[in-house]
C-alpha atoms as a PDB file:
ATOM      1  CA  UNK A   1      63.382  21.373  38.143  1.00  0.00           C
ATOM      2  CA  UNK A   2      62.174  23.381  41.114  1.00  0.00           C
ATOM      3  CA  UNK A   3      61.943  27.122  40.887  1.00  0.00           C
ATOM      4  CA  UNK A   4      65.018  28.866  42.240  1.00  0.00           C
ATOM      5  CA  UNK A   5      65.122  32.555  43.014  1.00  0.00           C
ATOM      6  CA  UNK A   6      62.961  35.086  41.222  1.00  0.00           C
ATOM      7  CA  UNK A   7      60.251  34.222  38.697  1.00  0.00           C
ATOM      8  CA  UNK A   8      62.233  35.690  35.809  1.00  0.00           C
ATOM      9  CA  UNK A   9      62.547  34.209  32.366  1.00  0.00           C
ATOM     10  CA  UNK A  10      60.556  31.782  30.295  1.00  0.00           C
ATOM     11  CA  UNK A  11      57.506  30.279  32.022  1.00  0.00           C
ATOM     12  CA  UNK A  12      58.156  32.415  35.118  1.00  0.00           C
ATOM     13  CA  UNK A  13      61.481  30.741  35.804  1.00  0.00           C
ATOM     14  CA  UNK A  14      60.407  27.158  35.136  1.00  0.00           C
ATOM     15  CA  UNK A  15      61.939  27.329  31.638  1.00  0.00           C
ATOM     16  CA  UNK A  16      61.473  24.568  29.082  1.00  0.00           C
ATOM     17  CA  UNK A  17      58.089  23.777  27.582  1.00  0.00           C
ATOM     18  CA  UNK A  18      54.759  25.126  28.810  1.00  0.00           C
ATOM     19  CA  UNK A  19      53.475  21.613  29.550  1.00  0.00           C
ATOM     20  CA  UNK A  20      56.513  20.659  31.627  1.00  0.00           C
ATOM     21  CA  UNK A  21      56.605  24.007  33.432  1.00  0.00           C
ATOM     22  CA  UNK A  22      53.017  23.591  34.604  1.00  0.00           C
ATOM     23  CA  UNK A  23      53.719  20.124  36.020  1.00  0.00           C
ATOM     24  CA  UNK A  24      56.803  21.324  37.871  1.00  0.00           C
ATOM     25  CA  UNK A  25      54.970  24.332  39.313  1.00  0.00           C
ATOM     26  CA  UNK A  26      52.211  22.053  40.593  1.00  0.00           C
ATOM     27  CA  UNK A  27      54.742  19.717  42.186  1.00  0.00           C
ATOM     28  CA  UNK A  28      56.296  22.690  43.975  1.00  0.00           C
ATOM     29  CA  UNK A  29      52.886  23.985  45.025  1.00  0.00           C
ATOM     30  CA  UNK A  30      51.966  20.674  46.648  1.00  0.00           C
ATOM     31  CA  UNK A  31      55.387  20.103  48.170  1.00  0.00           C
ATOM     32  CA  UNK A  32      56.156  16.973  46.199  1.00  0.00           C
ATOM     33  CA  UNK A  33      53.118  15.158  47.614  1.00  0.00           C
ATOM     34  CA  UNK A  34      49.409  14.834  46.791  1.00  0.00           C
ATOM     35  CA  UNK A  35      50.259  12.777  43.718  1.00  0.00           C
ATOM     36  CA  UNK A  36      46.650  12.193  42.677  1.00  0.00           C
ATOM     37  CA  UNK A  37      45.784  15.881  42.870  1.00  0.00           C
ATOM     38  CA  UNK A  38      48.901  16.901  40.963  1.00  0.00           C
ATOM     39  CA  UNK A  39      48.171  14.265  38.311  1.00  0.00           C
ATOM     40  CA  UNK A  40      44.578  15.451  37.868  1.00  0.00           C
ATOM     41  CA  UNK A  41      45.549  19.136  37.556  1.00  0.00           C
ATOM     42  CA  UNK A  42      48.477  18.280  35.272  1.00  0.00           C
ATOM     43  CA  UNK A  43      46.341  16.202  32.901  1.00  0.00           C
ATOM     44  CA  UNK A  44      43.852  19.070  32.550  1.00  0.00           C
ATOM     45  CA  UNK A  45      46.706  21.542  32.109  1.00  0.00           C
ATOM     46  CA  UNK A  46      48.041  19.412  29.239  1.00  0.00           C
ATOM     47  CA  UNK A  47      44.653  19.741  27.499  1.00  0.00           C
ATOM     48  CA  UNK A  48      44.952  23.523  27.842  1.00  0.00           C
ATOM     49  CA  UNK A  49      48.516  23.454  26.488  1.00  0.00           C
ATOM     50  CA  UNK A  50      47.402  21.440  23.454  1.00  0.00           C
ATOM     51  CA  UNK A  51      44.763  24.078  22.766  1.00  0.00           C
ATOM     52  CA  UNK A  52      47.320  26.872  23.220  1.00  0.00           C
ATOM     53  CA  UNK A  53      49.570  25.291  20.588  1.00  0.00           C
ATOM     54  CA  UNK A  54      46.759  24.498  18.165  1.00  0.00           C
ATOM     55  CA  UNK A  55      45.566  26.551  15.191  1.00  0.00           C
ATOM     56  CA  UNK A  56      42.425  27.403  17.180  1.00  0.00           C
ATOM     57  CA  UNK A  57      44.485  28.645  20.114  1.00  0.00           C
ATOM     58  CA  UNK A  58      46.930  31.546  20.550  1.00  0.00           C
ATOM     59  CA  UNK A  59      50.006  29.399  19.640  1.00  0.00           C
ATOM     60  CA  UNK A  60      51.670  30.214  22.976  1.00  0.00           C
ATOM     61  CA  UNK A  61      54.425  28.158  24.599  1.00  0.00           C
ATOM     62  CA  UNK A  62      55.320  30.567  27.401  1.00  0.00           C
ATOM     63  CA  UNK A  63      53.082  31.170  30.405  1.00  0.00           C
ATOM     64  CA  UNK A  64      54.116  34.841  30.460  1.00  0.00           C
ATOM     65  CA  UNK A  65      52.054  35.333  27.289  1.00  0.00           C
ATOM     66  CA  UNK A  66      48.882  34.040  28.911  1.00  0.00           C
ATOM     67  CA  UNK A  67      46.470  36.646  30.253  1.00  0.00           C
ATOM     68  CA  UNK A  68      42.880  36.565  31.425  1.00  0.00           C
ATOM     69  CA  UNK A  69      41.560  36.984  27.886  1.00  0.00           C
ATOM     70  CA  UNK A  70      43.449  33.833  26.908  1.00  0.00           C
ATOM     71  CA  UNK A  71      41.600  31.930  29.607  1.00  0.00           C
ATOM     72  CA  UNK A  72      38.259  33.395  28.548  1.00  0.00           C
ATOM     73  CA  UNK A  73      38.969  32.337  24.961  1.00  0.00           C
ATOM     74  CA  UNK A  74      39.716  28.850  26.267  1.00  0.00           C
ATOM     75  CA  UNK A  75      36.375  28.898  28.099  1.00  0.00           C
ATOM     76  CA  UNK A  76      34.646  29.647  24.773  1.00  0.00           C
ATOM     77  CA  UNK A  77      36.486  26.699  23.221  1.00  0.00           C
ATOM     78  CA  UNK A  78      35.368  24.404  26.049  1.00  0.00           C
ATOM     79  CA  UNK A  79      31.784  25.659  25.832  1.00  0.00           C
ATOM     80  CA  UNK A  80      31.749  24.803  22.133  1.00  0.00           C
ATOM     81  CA  UNK A  81      32.990  21.280  22.933  1.00  0.00           C
ATOM     82  CA  UNK A  82      30.199  20.849  25.496  1.00  0.00           C
ATOM     83  CA  UNK A  83      27.583  22.074  23.026  1.00  0.00           C
ATOM     84  CA  UNK A  84      28.883  19.589  20.444  1.00  0.00           C
ATOM     85  CA  UNK A  85      28.569  16.772  22.968  1.00  0.00           C
ATOM     86  CA  UNK A  86      32.335  16.191  23.022  1.00  0.00           C
ATOM     87  CA  UNK A  87      32.768  17.149  26.673  1.00  0.00           C
ATOM     88  CA  UNK A  88      30.723  16.983  29.864  1.00  0.00           C
ATOM     89  CA  UNK A  89      29.959  20.238  31.682  1.00  0.00           C
ATOM     90  CA  UNK A  90      31.715  18.988  34.812  1.00  0.00           C
ATOM     91  CA  UNK A  91      34.834  18.105  32.793  1.00  0.00           C
ATOM     92  CA  UNK A  92      34.918  21.563  31.211  1.00  0.00           C
ATOM     93  CA  UNK A  93      34.598  23.280  34.595  1.00  0.00           C
ATOM     94  CA  UNK A  94      37.308  21.070  36.080  1.00  0.00           C
ATOM     95  CA  UNK A  95      39.636  21.933  33.200  1.00  0.00           C
ATOM     96  CA  UNK A  96      39.164  25.660  33.771  1.00  0.00           C
ATOM     97  CA  UNK A  97      39.649  25.268  37.527  1.00  0.00           C
ATOM     98  CA  UNK A  98      42.895  23.346  36.988  1.00  0.00           C
ATOM     99  CA  UNK A  99      44.174  26.012  34.601  1.00  0.00           C
ATOM    100  CA  UNK A 100      43.457  28.597  37.308  1.00  0.00           C
ATOM    101  CA  UNK A 101      45.381  26.538  39.862  1.00  0.00           C
ATOM    102  CA  UNK A 102      48.333  25.906  37.552  1.00  0.00           C
ATOM    103  CA  UNK A 103      48.611  29.552  36.499  1.00  0.00           C
ATOM    104  CA  UNK A 104      48.650  30.560  40.171  1.00  0.00           C
ATOM    105  CA  UNK A 105      51.414  28.020  40.794  1.00  0.00           C
ATOM    106  CA  UNK A 106      53.472  29.326  37.872  1.00  0.00           C
ATOM    107  CA  UNK A 107      52.989  33.025  38.588  1.00  0.00           C
ATOM    108  CA  UNK A 108      52.950  32.949  42.364  1.00  0.00           C
ATOM    109  CA  UNK A 109      49.832  35.129  42.418  1.00  0.00           C
ATOM    110  CA  UNK A 110      46.118  35.123  41.544  1.00  0.00           C
ATOM    111  CA  UNK A 111      46.126  37.871  38.931  1.00  0.00           C
ATOM    112  CA  UNK A 112      45.436  35.710  35.886  1.00  0.00           C
ATOM    113  CA  UNK A 113      42.438  33.470  36.393  1.00  0.00           C
ATOM    114  CA  UNK A 114      38.790  32.904  35.499  1.00  0.00           C
ATOM    115  CA  UNK A 115      36.933  34.004  38.667  1.00  0.00           C
ATOM    116  CA  UNK A 116      33.991  31.677  38.061  1.00  0.00           C
ATOM    117  CA  UNK A 117      34.450  28.753  35.649  1.00  0.00           C
ATOM    118  CA  UNK A 118      30.717  28.022  35.655  1.00  0.00           C
ATOM    119  CA  UNK A 119      29.829  31.627  34.703  1.00  0.00           C
ATOM    120  CA  UNK A 120      32.587  31.746  32.100  1.00  0.00           C
ATOM    121  CA  UNK A 121      31.169  28.625  30.496  1.00  0.00           C
ATOM    122  CA  UNK A 122      27.625  29.911  30.809  1.00  0.00           C
ATOM    123  CA  UNK A 123      26.522  26.491  32.015  1.00  0.00           C
ATOM    124  CA  UNK A 124      25.649  24.802  35.280  1.00  0.00           C
ATOM    125  CA  UNK A 125      26.970  21.355  35.992  1.00  0.00           C
ATOM    126  CA  UNK A 126      24.489  18.764  37.135  1.00  0.00           C
ATOM    127  CA  UNK A 127      25.012  16.140  39.797  1.00  0.00           C
ATOM    128  CA  UNK A 128      22.062  14.063  38.613  1.00  0.00           C
ATOM    129  CA  UNK A 129      22.994  10.907  36.754  1.00  0.00           C
ATOM    130  CA  UNK A 130      21.657  10.764  33.212  1.00  0.00           C
ATOM    131  CA  UNK A 131      23.061   7.406  32.060  1.00  0.00           C
ATOM    132  CA  UNK A 132      22.415   3.894  33.347  1.00  0.00           C
ATOM    133  CA  UNK A 133      25.417   2.737  35.438  1.00  0.00           C
ATOM    134  CA  UNK A 134      27.597   0.099  33.878  1.00  0.00           C
ATOM    135  CA  UNK A 135      28.500  -2.935  35.966  1.00  0.00           C
ATOM    136  CA  UNK A 136      25.009  -3.644  37.296  1.00  0.00           C
ATOM    137  CA  UNK A 137      25.049  -7.023  35.554  1.00  0.00           C
ATOM    138  CA  UNK A 138      26.963  -9.323  37.871  1.00  0.00           C
ATOM    139  CA  UNK A 139      27.785 -11.684  35.003  1.00  0.00           C
ATOM    140  CA  UNK A 140      29.558  -8.818  33.258  1.00  0.00           C
ATOM    141  CA  UNK A 141      31.538  -8.119  36.449  1.00  0.00           C
ATOM    142  CA  UNK A 142      32.421 -11.814  36.756  1.00  0.00           C
ATOM    143  CA  UNK A 143      33.745 -11.811  33.181  1.00  0.00           C
ATOM    144  CA  UNK A 144      35.861  -8.717  33.911  1.00  0.00           C
ATOM    145  CA  UNK A 145      37.278 -10.363  37.035  1.00  0.00           C
ATOM    146  CA  UNK A 146      38.141 -13.455  34.979  1.00  0.00           C
ATOM    147  CA  UNK A 147      39.900 -11.400  32.283  1.00  0.00           C
ATOM    148  CA  UNK A 148      41.864  -9.415  34.877  1.00  0.00           C
ATOM    149  CA  UNK A 149      43.077 -12.676  36.417  1.00  0.00           C
ATOM    150  CA  UNK A 150      44.039 -13.944  32.954  1.00  0.00           C
ATOM    151  CA  UNK A 151      46.175 -10.809  32.594  1.00  0.00           C
ATOM    152  CA  UNK A 152      47.901 -11.476  35.927  1.00  0.00           C
ATOM    153  CA  UNK A 153      45.924  -8.732  37.653  1.00  0.00           C
ATOM    154  CA  UNK A 154      44.394 -10.518  40.683  1.00  0.00           C
ATOM    155  CA  UNK A 155      44.602  -7.438  42.909  1.00  0.00           C
ATOM    156  CA  UNK A 156      42.721  -5.344  40.352  1.00  0.00           C
ATOM    157  CA  UNK A 157      40.141  -8.142  40.223  1.00  0.00           C
ATOM    158  CA  UNK A 158      39.844  -7.880  44.015  1.00  0.00           C
ATOM    159  CA  UNK A 159      39.172  -4.131  43.731  1.00  0.00           C
ATOM    160  CA  UNK A 160      36.423  -4.752  41.176  1.00  0.00           C
ATOM    161  CA  UNK A 161      34.716  -7.226  43.489  1.00  0.00           C
ATOM    162  CA  UNK A 162      35.022  -5.021  46.581  1.00  0.00           C
ATOM    163  CA  UNK A 163      33.728  -1.945  44.747  1.00  0.00           C
ATOM    164  CA  UNK A 164      30.764  -3.814  43.271  1.00  0.00           C
ATOM    165  CA  UNK A 165      29.730  -5.635  46.449  1.00  0.00           C
ATOM    166  CA  UNK A 166      30.359  -2.901  49.041  1.00  0.00           C
ATOM    167  CA  UNK A 167      30.354   0.383  47.089  1.00  0.00           C
ATOM    168  CA  UNK A 168      33.925   1.152  48.161  1.00  0.00           C
ATOM    169  CA  UNK A 169      35.868   3.885  46.415  1.00  0.00           C
ATOM    170  CA  UNK A 170      39.048   2.830  44.629  1.00  0.00           C
ATOM    171  CA  UNK A 171      41.284   4.085  47.439  1.00  0.00           C
ATOM    172  CA  UNK A 172      39.092   2.438  50.068  1.00  0.00           C
ATOM    173  CA  UNK A 173      39.309  -0.924  48.303  1.00  0.00           C
ATOM    174  CA  UNK A 174      43.099  -0.695  47.996  1.00  0.00           C
ATOM    175  CA  UNK A 175      43.663   0.278  51.634  1.00  0.00           C
ATOM    176  CA  UNK A 176      40.900  -1.792  53.261  1.00  0.00           C
ATOM    177  CA  UNK A 177      42.056  -3.607  56.414  1.00  0.00           C
ATOM    178  CA  UNK A 178      41.036  -7.043  55.175  1.00  0.00           C
ATOM    179  CA  UNK A 179      41.585  -9.086  58.377  1.00  0.00           C
ATOM    180  CA  UNK A 180      39.519  -6.553  60.356  1.00  0.00           C
ATOM    181  CA  UNK A 181      36.692  -6.590  57.825  1.00  0.00           C
ATOM    182  CA  UNK A 182      36.663 -10.387  57.790  1.00  0.00           C
ATOM    183  CA  UNK A 183      36.558 -10.450  61.600  1.00  0.00           C
ATOM    184  CA  UNK A 184      33.701  -7.918  61.694  1.00  0.00           C
ATOM    185  CA  UNK A 185      31.749  -9.913  59.111  1.00  0.00           C
ATOM    186  CA  UNK A 186      32.116 -13.075  61.178  1.00  0.00           C
ATOM    187  CA  UNK A 187      31.299 -11.467  64.542  1.00  0.00           C
ATOM    188  CA  UNK A 188      28.712  -8.834  63.629  1.00  0.00           C
ATOM    189  CA  UNK A 189      27.356  -9.815  60.221  1.00  0.00           C
ATOM    190  CA  UNK A 190      28.401  -6.406  58.864  1.00  0.00           C
ATOM    191  CA  UNK A 191      31.579  -4.493  58.007  1.00  0.00           C
ATOM    192  CA  UNK A 192      32.732  -0.959  58.807  1.00  0.00           C
ATOM    193  CA  UNK A 193      34.486   0.812  55.920  1.00  0.00           C
ATOM    194  CA  UNK A 194      37.105   3.043  57.529  1.00  0.00           C
ATOM    195  CA  UNK A 195      40.401   2.856  55.643  1.00  0.00           C
ATOM    196  CA  UNK A 196      41.237   5.245  52.800  1.00  0.00           C
ATOM    197  CA  UNK A 197      38.011   7.177  53.300  1.00  0.00           C
ATOM    198  CA  UNK A 198      37.506  10.657  51.881  1.00  0.00           C
ATOM    199  CA  UNK A 199      37.425  13.938  53.792  1.00  0.00           C
ATOM    200  CA  UNK A 200      38.550  12.689  57.195  1.00  0.00           C
ATOM    201  CA  UNK A 201      35.515  10.461  57.652  1.00  0.00           C
ATOM    202  CA  UNK A 202      37.457   7.529  59.057  1.00  0.00           C
ATOM    203  CA  UNK A 203      37.655   6.190  62.588  1.00  0.00           C
ATOM    204  CA  UNK A 204      34.940   6.239  65.204  1.00  0.00           C
ATOM    205  CA  UNK A 205      33.876   9.723  64.072  1.00  0.00           C
ATOM    206  CA  UNK A 206      31.985   8.363  61.067  1.00  0.00           C
ATOM    207  CA  UNK A 207      31.222   4.639  61.318  1.00  0.00           C
ATOM    208  CA  UNK A 208      30.081   3.259  58.001  1.00  0.00           C
ATOM    209  CA  UNK A 209      28.539  -0.140  58.557  1.00  0.00           C
ATOM    210  CA  UNK A 210      27.357  -2.275  55.639  1.00  0.00           C
ATOM    211  CA  UNK A 211      25.449  -5.497  56.155  1.00  0.00           C
ATOM    212  CA  UNK A 212      27.331  -8.567  54.987  1.00  0.00           C
ATOM    213  CA  UNK A 213      25.973 -10.987  52.382  1.00  0.00           C
ATOM    214  CA  UNK A 214      27.369 -13.886  50.359  1.00  0.00           C
ATOM    215  CA  UNK A 215      28.773 -11.560  47.695  1.00  0.00           C
ATOM    216  CA  UNK A 216      30.640  -9.455  50.263  1.00  0.00           C
ATOM    217  CA  UNK A 217      31.915 -12.564  52.030  1.00  0.00           C
ATOM    218  CA  UNK A 218      33.286 -13.969  48.764  1.00  0.00           C
ATOM    219  CA  UNK A 219      34.854 -10.612  47.791  1.00  0.00           C
ATOM    220  CA  UNK A 220      36.625 -10.310  51.147  1.00  0.00           C
ATOM    221  CA  UNK A 221      37.868 -13.894  50.948  1.00  0.00           C
ATOM    222  CA  UNK A 222      39.264 -13.342  47.466  1.00  0.00           C
ATOM    223  CA  UNK A 223      40.874 -10.015  48.405  1.00  0.00           C
ATOM    224  CA  UNK A 224      42.557 -11.592  51.431  1.00  0.00           C
ATOM    225  CA  UNK A 225      43.923 -14.368  49.212  1.00  0.00           C
ATOM    226  CA  UNK A 226      45.418 -11.854  46.775  1.00  0.00           C
ATOM    227  CA  UNK A 227      46.799  -9.573  49.496  1.00  0.00           C
ATOM    228  CA  UNK A 228      50.634  -9.654  49.444  1.00  0.00           C
ATOM    229  CA  UNK A 229      52.512 -11.433  52.224  1.00  0.00           C
ATOM    230  CA  UNK A 230      52.880  -9.454  55.472  1.00  0.00           C
ATOM    231  CA  UNK A 231      50.194  -6.974  54.357  1.00  0.00           C
ATOM    232  CA  UNK A 232      46.730  -6.248  55.748  1.00  0.00           C
ATOM    233  CA  UNK A 233      45.510  -4.681  52.488  1.00  0.00           C
ATOM    234  CA  UNK A 234      46.208  -4.879  48.752  1.00  0.00           C
ATOM    235  CA  UNK A 235      49.488  -2.953  48.941  1.00  0.00           C
ATOM    236  CA  UNK A 236      52.743  -4.849  49.396  1.00  0.00           C
ATOM    237  CA  UNK A 237      54.774  -3.723  52.460  1.00  0.00           C
ATOM    238  CA  UNK A 238      57.372  -2.019  50.256  1.00  0.00           C
ATOM    239  CA  UNK A 239      54.880  -0.666  47.702  1.00  0.00           C
ATOM    240  CA  UNK A 240      53.636   2.931  47.648  1.00  0.00           C
ATOM    241  CA  UNK A 241      50.092   3.901  46.739  1.00  0.00           C
ATOM    242  CA  UNK A 242      51.462   5.763  43.700  1.00  0.00           C
ATOM    243  CA  UNK A 243      53.359   2.666  42.538  1.00  0.00           C
ATOM    244  CA  UNK A 244      50.155   0.643  42.842  1.00  0.00           C
ATOM    245  CA  UNK A 245      48.219   3.235  40.855  1.00  0.00           C
ATOM    246  CA  UNK A 246      50.759   3.211  38.043  1.00  0.00           C
ATOM    247  CA  UNK A 247      51.557  -0.505  37.981  1.00  0.00           C
ATOM    248  CA  UNK A 248      48.172  -2.058  38.731  1.00  0.00           C
ATOM    249  CA  UNK A 249      45.288   0.412  38.432  1.00  0.00           C
ATOM    250  CA  UNK A 250      46.283   2.126  35.192  1.00  0.00           C
ATOM    251  CA  UNK A 251      46.697  -1.071  33.108  1.00  0.00           C
ATOM    252  CA  UNK A 252      43.522  -2.490  34.673  1.00  0.00           C
ATOM    253  CA  UNK A 253      41.508   0.527  33.507  1.00  0.00           C
ATOM    254  CA  UNK A 254      42.348  -0.347  29.901  1.00  0.00           C
ATOM    255  CA  UNK A 255      40.858  -3.797  30.435  1.00  0.00           C
ATOM    256  CA  UNK A 256      37.740  -2.323  32.050  1.00  0.00           C
ATOM    257  CA  UNK A 257      37.242  -0.052  29.036  1.00  0.00           C
ATOM    258  CA  UNK A 258      37.571  -3.000  26.669  1.00  0.00           C
ATOM    259  CA  UNK A 259      34.711  -4.700  28.514  1.00  0.00           C
ATOM    260  CA  UNK A 260      32.293  -1.750  28.601  1.00  0.00           C
ATOM    261  CA  UNK A 261      33.082  -0.464  32.070  1.00  0.00           C
ATOM    262  CA  UNK A 262      34.121   3.216  32.206  1.00  0.00           C
ATOM    263  CA  UNK A 263      35.955   2.812  35.478  1.00  0.00           C
ATOM    264  CA  UNK A 264      35.934   1.531  39.031  1.00  0.00           C
ATOM    265  CA  UNK A 265      33.635   4.373  40.108  1.00  0.00           C
ATOM    266  CA  UNK A 266      30.826   2.992  37.940  1.00  0.00           C
ATOM    267  CA  UNK A 267      30.726   0.002  40.272  1.00  0.00           C
ATOM    268  CA  UNK A 268      29.787   2.305  43.170  1.00  0.00           C
ATOM    269  CA  UNK A 269      26.823   3.516  41.133  1.00  0.00           C
ATOM    270  CA  UNK A 270      25.880  -0.081  40.312  1.00  0.00           C
ATOM    271  CA  UNK A 271      26.022  -0.905  44.023  1.00  0.00           C
ATOM    272  CA  UNK A 272      23.852   2.115  44.855  1.00  0.00           C
ATOM    273  CA  UNK A 273      21.206   1.130  42.301  1.00  0.00           C
ATOM    274  CA  UNK A 274      21.110  -2.402  43.677  1.00  0.00           C
ATOM    275  CA  UNK A 275      20.756  -1.151  47.265  1.00  0.00           C
ATOM    276  CA  UNK A 276      17.950   1.197  46.238  1.00  0.00           C
ATOM    277  CA  UNK A 277      16.035  -1.723  44.779  1.00  0.00           C
ATOM    278  CA  UNK A 278      16.677  -3.857  47.876  1.00  0.00           C
ATOM    279  CA  UNK A 279      15.446  -1.132  50.233  1.00  0.00           C
ATOM    280  CA  UNK A 280      12.415   0.088  48.271  1.00  0.00           C
ATOM    281  CA  UNK A 281      11.519  -2.958  46.161  1.00  0.00           C
ATOM    282  CA  UNK A 282      11.483  -0.545  43.221  1.00  0.00           C
ATOM    283  CA  UNK A 283      14.010  -0.021  40.455  1.00  0.00           C
ATOM    284  CA  UNK A 284      16.384   2.898  40.875  1.00  0.00           C
ATOM    285  CA  UNK A 285      15.139   6.055  39.092  1.00  0.00           C
ATOM    286  CA  UNK A 286      17.886   5.800  36.467  1.00  0.00           C
ATOM    287  CA  UNK A 287      16.647   2.278  35.705  1.00  0.00           C
ATOM    288  CA  UNK A 288      13.069   3.463  35.230  1.00  0.00           C
ATOM    289  CA  UNK A 289      11.760   3.185  38.793  1.00  0.00           C
ATOM    290  CA  UNK A 290       9.085   5.544  40.111  1.00  0.00           C
ATOM    291  CA  UNK A 291       9.262   5.067  43.875  1.00  0.00           C
ATOM    292  CA  UNK A 292       9.429   8.805  44.488  1.00  0.00           C
ATOM    293  CA  UNK A 293       5.979   9.342  42.947  1.00  0.00           C
ATOM    294  CA  UNK A 294       4.533   6.330  44.780  1.00  0.00           C
ATOM    295  CA  UNK A 295       6.195   6.769  48.180  1.00  0.00           C
ATOM    296  CA  UNK A 296       8.394   9.877  48.618  1.00  0.00           C
ATOM    297  CA  UNK A 297       9.117   8.987  52.249  1.00  0.00           C
ATOM    298  CA  UNK A 298      10.496   5.557  51.284  1.00  0.00           C
ATOM    299  CA  UNK A 299      12.554   7.138  48.490  1.00  0.00           C
ATOM    300  CA  UNK A 300      14.088   9.584  50.959  1.00  0.00           C
ATOM    301  CA  UNK A 301      14.778   6.816  53.459  1.00  0.00           C
ATOM    302  CA  UNK A 302      16.598   4.792  50.791  1.00  0.00           C
ATOM    303  CA  UNK A 303      18.676   7.777  49.695  1.00  0.00           C
ATOM    304  CA  UNK A 304      19.698   8.511  53.286  1.00  0.00           C
ATOM    305  CA  UNK A 305      20.790   4.901  53.810  1.00  0.00           C
ATOM    306  CA  UNK A 306      22.719   4.746  50.535  1.00  0.00           C
ATOM    307  CA  UNK A 307      24.368   8.094  51.280  1.00  0.00           C
ATOM    308  CA  UNK A 308      25.584   6.675  54.581  1.00  0.00           C
ATOM    309  CA  UNK A 309      26.860   3.456  53.011  1.00  0.00           C
ATOM    310  CA  UNK A 310      28.744   5.316  50.280  1.00  0.00           C
ATOM    311  CA  UNK A 311      30.397   7.636  52.804  1.00  0.00           C
ATOM    312  CA  UNK A 312      28.632  10.856  51.853  1.00  0.00           C
ATOM    313  CA  UNK A 313      27.163  13.384  54.227  1.00  0.00           C
ATOM    314  CA  UNK A 314      24.281  14.559  52.029  1.00  0.00           C
ATOM    315  CA  UNK A 315      21.433  12.664  50.430  1.00  0.00           C
ATOM    316  CA  UNK A 316      21.364  14.901  47.348  1.00  0.00           C
ATOM    317  CA  UNK A 317      24.711  13.428  46.268  1.00  0.00           C
ATOM    318  CA  UNK A 318      22.990  10.070  45.774  1.00  0.00           C
ATOM    319  CA  UNK A 319      21.295  11.422  42.639  1.00  0.00           C
ATOM    320  CA  UNK A 320      24.694  11.186  40.932  1.00  0.00           C
ATOM    321  CA  UNK A 321      24.531   7.435  41.458  1.00  0.00           C
ATOM    322  CA  UNK A 322      20.887   6.407  41.111  1.00  0.00           C
ATOM    323  CA  UNK A 323      19.248   9.326  39.274  1.00  0.00           C
ATOM    324  CA  UNK A 324      16.980  12.184  40.348  1.00  0.00           C
ATOM    325  CA  UNK A 325      13.451  12.352  41.667  1.00  0.00           C
ATOM    326  CA  UNK A 326      11.677  13.346  38.461  1.00  0.00           C
END
C-alpha cells in the first residue's frame, strides 16, 4: 500500500501495523527497487518494532508515537546487548542507522533520528577481524559443496567454489560472465572480475585480475556446467536476481550454517588469508602470523595486492579479512 495524499492517520498514512508500515515506506523511498537495501533496512526495522512492542520497550505500534527519546532508549537497549556479547557493535550501529532511514521514510522529514549512532551507543565499531575465518579448510568446503549438490543446489555449490577460489562477493559470483572468464584463463592465465562489482568498479576503469590456478580452473568449469541454458552466468534468462536470492541463496545459507560456515562472505576472508600466506610465506595475522613485525614492507605489499584482488580501494579494509598489524 503506497502512501496516497497527506501523511495523516496511523503510521503517517501507511496504516496497519508498525512493522508493515516501515516496509512499505522503504519500498516507496527506493521506488520499488534496490531490493537488497530495502530488505536489509526492513529486517533491522523489524528488530526495532519487536523491541517497541516488548515489555522493555514503549509498547508502541504507531510511528507517530515515536520521538527522539524513543530512539535514544533503543540505543541504550542495543548498547546493553553489545555489552552482554549478544550483538556486535557494527550490527547495533546498522540497526540504529536503519531505524533513522525508516523513520525518515515514514515521516517524510529528518526530525526524528539519532544524529550519530556511534555516539549514541558510546562505542566505536572496529574493522579489524577478531575471529579466524571459517572455510579455510578446503576439505570442509568440499563437504559443503557435496551437501549442496545432494540438496539439488548445484548453483549454490558453484557460488561456494567461486567465492573460495577467487574471493568473489556473492553478487559477483552470481553474475560472473563465465565464458569470458574461461576464455581469459585459457589465453592469459588470469581472470578479470568485472560483473556484479560494488561501487561502480566494473569495466576498464578498475581491472581486477587474479592469477588462475587449478582450483580456479575447476571452479569455473563447474560453474559453467551448472549455468542454465542460454545464460552466461548463474541466472536463468527469465530469472531475476531477487528470485535467485530467495529461491537459491536463502535455502543454501541454512545448509552453510549447519556445516559451520556463517555465510558466503566468510569464504572471501578465507581466500584473503590464503593469499596472504602465498605472498608472504607467513600465516595471516588472524591465524597467528607475525609478518608485520618481521617485514612490515612485505606485509604492506601483501595487503595492497589482496585489497586489489578483493575489489577494495584501501588497504586498511583488508584487516577485516586477515586481521590487524598488532
